[in-house]
Amino acid sequence: MHQGSCLCGTIRYEIHGAFGPAYFCHCQRCRKAGGSSFGANVIAQSTDFAITAGASSLQCFDGGQGVKRYFCVTCGSPILSRRAGQDDIVRVRMGTLDSMVSAPPQAHIFVGSKAAWDVIRDDLPQHAERAPA
């Protein structure tokens, strides 16, 4: 089991079960949602993800394009996102995890649209868009 929370601690969640792939996403939407050069995300099964506290403070931003982003209304921490047609998974922002995660992200995605000032300095695979299935 893994646990996580927002910056102010209002929202708490648990993930029961194994993580799916984790990645660094450099798309413009992840940059803007997190205020940084990329978003670090890990996939979890929707049935394994549960809000344990502060559910009423979890707000949704639907920016179109089939992606809904959920964040804490109090502190603004991005918690997760859901994609239309992929109801079985959630993409959890790794920075909100309180539990130790032993497996780091495996790739950089959407590097074709990364910020010009963003320099990737590791040897992980890089994909111009989504990683191949």
C-alpha atoms as a PDB file:
ATOM      1  CA  MET A   1       0.000   0.000   0.000  1.00  0.00           C
ATOM      2  CA  HIS A   2       1.110   3.559  -0.727  1.00  0.00           C
ATOM      3  CA  GLN A   3      -0.147   6.742   0.884  1.00  0.00           C
ATOM      4  CA  GLY A   4      -0.162  10.311  -0.309  1.00  0.00           C
ATOM      5  CA  SER A   5      -1.474  13.763   0.507  1.00  0.00           C
ATOM      6  CA  CYS A   6      -1.675  17.340  -0.692  1.00  0.00           C
ATOM      7  CA  LEU A   7       0.598  20.129   0.588  1.00  0.00           C
ATOM      8  CA  CYS A   8      -1.770  21.245   3.356  1.00  0.00           C
ATOM      9  CA  GLY A   9      -2.698  17.675   4.355  1.00  0.00           C
ATOM     10  CA  THR A  10      -6.427  18.133   3.794  1.00  0.00           C
ATOM     11  CA  ILE A  11      -6.589  15.487   1.065  1.00  0.00           C
ATOM     12  CA  ARG A  12      -5.176  12.058   1.863  1.00  0.00           C
ATOM     13  CA  TYR A  13      -5.261   8.991  -0.319  1.00  0.00           C
ATOM     14  CA  GLU A  14      -4.148   5.368  -0.486  1.00  0.00           C
ATOM     15  CA  ILE A  15      -3.168   3.139  -3.361  1.00  0.00           C
ATOM     16  CA  HIS A  16      -3.575  -0.597  -2.801  1.00  0.00           C
ATOM     17  CA  GLY A  17      -1.859  -2.696  -5.428  1.00  0.00           C
ATOM     18  CA  ALA A  18       1.093  -2.369  -7.745  1.00  0.00           C
ATOM     19  CA  PHE A  19       1.937   0.760  -9.685  1.00  0.00           C
ATOM     20  CA  GLY A  20       1.871   0.774 -13.444  1.00  0.00           C
ATOM     21  CA  PRO A  21       4.362   2.734 -15.542  1.00  0.00           C
ATOM     22  CA  ALA A  22       5.784   5.990 -14.228  1.00  0.00           C
ATOM     23  CA  TYR A  23       7.070   8.775 -16.446  1.00  0.00           C
ATOM     24  CA  PHE A  24       8.150  12.391 -16.655  1.00  0.00           C
ATOM     25  CA  CYS A  25       5.691  14.268 -18.887  1.00  0.00           C
ATOM     26  CA  HIS A  26       6.992  17.446 -20.542  1.00  0.00           C
ATOM     27  CA  CYS A  27       3.765  18.497 -22.313  1.00  0.00           C
ATOM     28  CA  GLN A  28       2.588  22.077 -21.908  1.00  0.00           C
ATOM     29  CA  ARG A  29      -0.461  21.055 -19.867  1.00  0.00           C
ATOM     30  CA  CYS A  30       1.626  19.159 -17.278  1.00  0.00           C
ATOM     31  CA  ARG A  31       4.057  22.072 -17.099  1.00  0.00           C
ATOM     32  CA  LYS A  32       1.263  24.539 -16.454  1.00  0.00           C
ATOM     33  CA  ALA A  33      -0.621  22.260 -14.042  1.00  0.00           C
ATOM     34  CA  GLY A  34       2.469  21.745 -11.893  1.00  0.00           C
ATOM     35  CA  GLY A  35       4.328  25.002 -12.493  1.00  0.00           C
ATOM     36  CA  SER A  36       7.526  23.162 -13.367  1.00  0.00           C
ATOM     37  CA  SER A  37       9.398  21.758 -16.357  1.00  0.00           C
ATOM     38  CA  PHE A  38       7.532  18.429 -16.253  1.00  0.00           C
ATOM     39  CA  GLY A  39       5.041  16.365 -14.308  1.00  0.00           C
ATOM     40  CA  ALA A  40       6.162  13.140 -12.630  1.00  0.00           C
ATOM     41  CA  ASN A  41       3.248  10.736 -12.905  1.00  0.00           C
ATOM     42  CA  VAL A  42       2.595   7.113 -12.045  1.00  0.00           C
ATOM     43  CA  ILE A  43      -0.317   5.023 -13.257  1.00  0.00           C
ATOM     44  CA  ALA A  44      -2.497   3.166 -10.762  1.00  0.00           C
ATOM     45  CA  GLN A  45      -5.661   1.153 -11.206  1.00  0.00           C
ATOM     46  CA  SER A  46      -8.763   3.194 -10.366  1.00  0.00           C
ATOM     47  CA  THR A  47     -10.007   0.377  -8.150  1.00  0.00           C
ATOM     48  CA  ASP A  48      -6.737   0.565  -6.140  1.00  0.00           C
ATOM     49  CA  PHE A  49      -6.977   4.335  -5.543  1.00  0.00           C
ATOM     50  CA  ALA A  50      -9.046   5.698  -2.646  1.00  0.00           C
ATOM     51  CA  ILE A  51      -9.413   9.153  -1.095  1.00  0.00           C
ATOM     52  CA  THR A  52      -9.286   8.580   2.681  1.00  0.00           C
ATOM     53  CA  ALA A  53      -9.713  12.197   3.857  1.00  0.00           C
ATOM     54  CA  GLY A  54     -10.723  15.535   2.388  1.00  0.00           C
ATOM     55  CA  ALA A  55     -12.785  14.301  -0.553  1.00  0.00           C
ATOM     56  CA  SER A  56     -14.885  17.472  -0.434  1.00  0.00           C
ATOM     57  CA  SER A  57     -11.708  19.521  -1.053  1.00  0.00           C
ATOM     58  CA  LEU A  58     -10.835  17.601  -4.216  1.00  0.00           C
ATOM     59  CA  GLN A  59     -11.853  19.776  -7.158  1.00  0.00           C
ATOM     60  CA  CYS A  60     -11.787  18.990 -10.852  1.00  0.00           C
ATOM     61  CA  PHE A  61     -10.530  21.116 -13.721  1.00  0.00           C
ATOM     62  CA  ASP A  62     -11.755  19.952 -17.115  1.00  0.00           C
ATOM     63  CA  GLY A  63      -9.546  21.678 -19.653  1.00  0.00           C
ATOM     64  CA  GLY A  64     -11.039  19.751 -22.522  1.00  0.00           C
ATOM     65  CA  GLN A  65      -9.133  17.309 -24.692  1.00  0.00           C
ATOM     66  CA  GLY A  66     -10.520  14.455 -22.600  1.00  0.00           C
ATOM     67  CA  VAL A  67      -8.388  15.074 -19.491  1.00  0.00           C
ATOM     68  CA  LYS A  68      -9.721  15.962 -16.048  1.00  0.00           C
ATOM     69  CA  ARG A  69      -7.218  17.178 -13.450  1.00  0.00           C
ATOM     70  CA  TYR A  70      -7.995  16.924  -9.753  1.00  0.00           C
ATOM     71  CA  PHE A  71      -6.424  19.233  -7.170  1.00  0.00           C
ATOM     72  CA  CYS A  72      -6.818  20.423  -3.583  1.00  0.00           C
ATOM     73  CA  VAL A  73      -9.019  23.509  -3.460  1.00  0.00           C
ATOM     74  CA  THR A  74      -7.207  24.724  -0.317  1.00  0.00           C
ATOM     75  CA  CYS A  75      -3.520  24.505  -1.279  1.00  0.00           C
ATOM     76  CA  GLY A  76      -3.708  23.889  -5.038  1.00  0.00           C
ATOM     77  CA  SER A  77      -1.687  20.661  -5.033  1.00  0.00           C
ATOM     78  CA  PRO A  78      -2.326  18.608  -8.170  1.00  0.00           C
ATOM     79  CA  ILE A  79      -3.279  15.082  -7.067  1.00  0.00           C
ATOM     80  CA  LEU A  80      -4.286  13.066 -10.122  1.00  0.00           C
ATOM     81  CA  SER A  81      -5.712  13.123 -13.591  1.00  0.00           C
ATOM     82  CA  ARG A  82      -8.177  10.949 -15.474  1.00  0.00           C
ATOM     83  CA  ARG A  83      -8.457  10.498 -19.216  1.00  0.00           C
ATOM     84  CA  ALA A  84     -11.746   9.957 -21.048  1.00  0.00           C
ATOM     85  CA  GLY A  85     -12.085   6.352 -22.160  1.00  0.00           C
ATOM     86  CA  GLN A  86      -9.539   5.144 -19.595  1.00  0.00           C
ATOM     87  CA  ASP A  87     -11.798   4.828 -16.560  1.00  0.00           C
ATOM     88  CA  ASP A  88      -9.769   1.909 -15.226  1.00  0.00           C
ATOM     89  CA  ILE A  89      -6.655   3.995 -14.450  1.00  0.00           C
ATOM     90  CA  VAL A  90      -5.634   7.220 -12.712  1.00  0.00           C
ATOM     91  CA  ARG A  91      -2.421   9.157 -13.195  1.00  0.00           C
ATOM     92  CA  VAL A  92      -1.138  10.165  -9.762  1.00  0.00           C
ATOM     93  CA  ARG A  93       1.325  13.021  -9.274  1.00  0.00           C
ATOM     94  CA  MET A  94       4.335  11.308  -7.711  1.00  0.00           C
ATOM     95  CA  GLY A  95       5.268  14.405  -5.722  1.00  0.00           C
ATOM     96  CA  THR A  96       2.155  13.909  -3.588  1.00  0.00           C
ATOM     97  CA  LEU A  97       3.180  10.401  -2.489  1.00  0.00           C
ATOM     98  CA  ASP A  98       4.204  10.154   1.166  1.00  0.00           C
ATOM     99  CA  SER A  99       5.338   6.533   0.866  1.00  0.00           C
ATOM    100  CA  MET A 100       8.770   5.619  -0.430  1.00  0.00           C
ATOM    101  CA  VAL A 101       8.708   4.640  -4.096  1.00  0.00           C
ATOM    102  CA  SER A 102      11.555   2.391  -5.127  1.00  0.00           C
ATOM    103  CA  ALA A 103      10.947   2.439  -8.891  1.00  0.00           C
ATOM    104  CA  PRO A 104      11.594   5.826 -10.515  1.00  0.00           C
ATOM    105  CA  PRO A 105       9.948   6.945 -13.759  1.00  0.00           C
ATOM    106  CA  GLN A 106      11.071   4.913 -16.774  1.00  0.00           C
ATOM    107  CA  ALA A 107      10.888   7.516 -19.549  1.00  0.00           C
ATOM    108  CA  HIS A 108      10.389  11.120 -20.592  1.00  0.00           C
ATOM    109  CA  ILE A 109       7.298  11.689 -22.740  1.00  0.00           C
ATOM    110  CA  PHE A 110       6.166  14.614 -24.887  1.00  0.00           C
ATOM    111  CA  VAL A 111       9.737  15.881 -25.131  1.00  0.00           C
ATOM    112  CA  GLY A 112       8.808  17.211 -28.574  1.00  0.00           C
ATOM    113  CA  SER A 113       6.916  19.975 -26.782  1.00  0.00           C
ATOM    114  CA  LYS A 114       9.165  20.495 -23.750  1.00  0.00           C
ATOM    115  CA  ALA A 115      10.184  24.003 -22.739  1.00  0.00           C
ATOM    116  CA  ALA A 116      13.214  25.319 -24.624  1.00  0.00           C
ATOM    117  CA  TRP A 117      15.039  25.916 -21.320  1.00  0.00           C
ATOM    118  CA  ASP A 118      14.374  22.364 -20.086  1.00  0.00           C
ATOM    119  CA  VAL A 119      17.514  20.234 -20.386  1.00  0.00           C
ATOM    120  CA  ILE A 120      17.122  16.498 -19.772  1.00  0.00           C
ATOM    121  CA  ARG A 121      20.290  15.216 -18.118  1.00  0.00           C
ATOM    122  CA  ASP A 122      19.647  11.504 -17.629  1.00  0.00           C
ATOM    123  CA  ASP A 123      19.776   8.456 -19.862  1.00  0.00           C
ATOM    124  CA  LEU A 124      16.096   7.506 -19.682  1.00  0.00           C
ATOM    125  CA  PRO A 125      14.333   6.901 -23.012  1.00  0.00           C
ATOM    126  CA  GLN A 126      12.796  10.022 -24.549  1.00  0.00           C
ATOM    127  CA  HIS A 127       9.634  10.023 -26.656  1.00  0.00           C
ATOM    128  CA  ALA A 128       8.454  12.949 -28.773  1.00  0.00           C
ATOM    129  CA  GLU A 129       4.886  12.152 -27.728  1.00  0.00           C
ATOM    130  CA  ARG A 130       3.409   9.225 -25.754  1.00  0.00           C
ATOM    131  CA  ALA A 131       5.552   6.193 -25.058  1.00  0.00           C
ATOM    132  CA  PRO A 132       4.853   3.257 -27.373  1.00  0.00           C
ATOM    133  CA  ALA A 133       2.355   0.767 -25.955  1.00  0.00           C
END
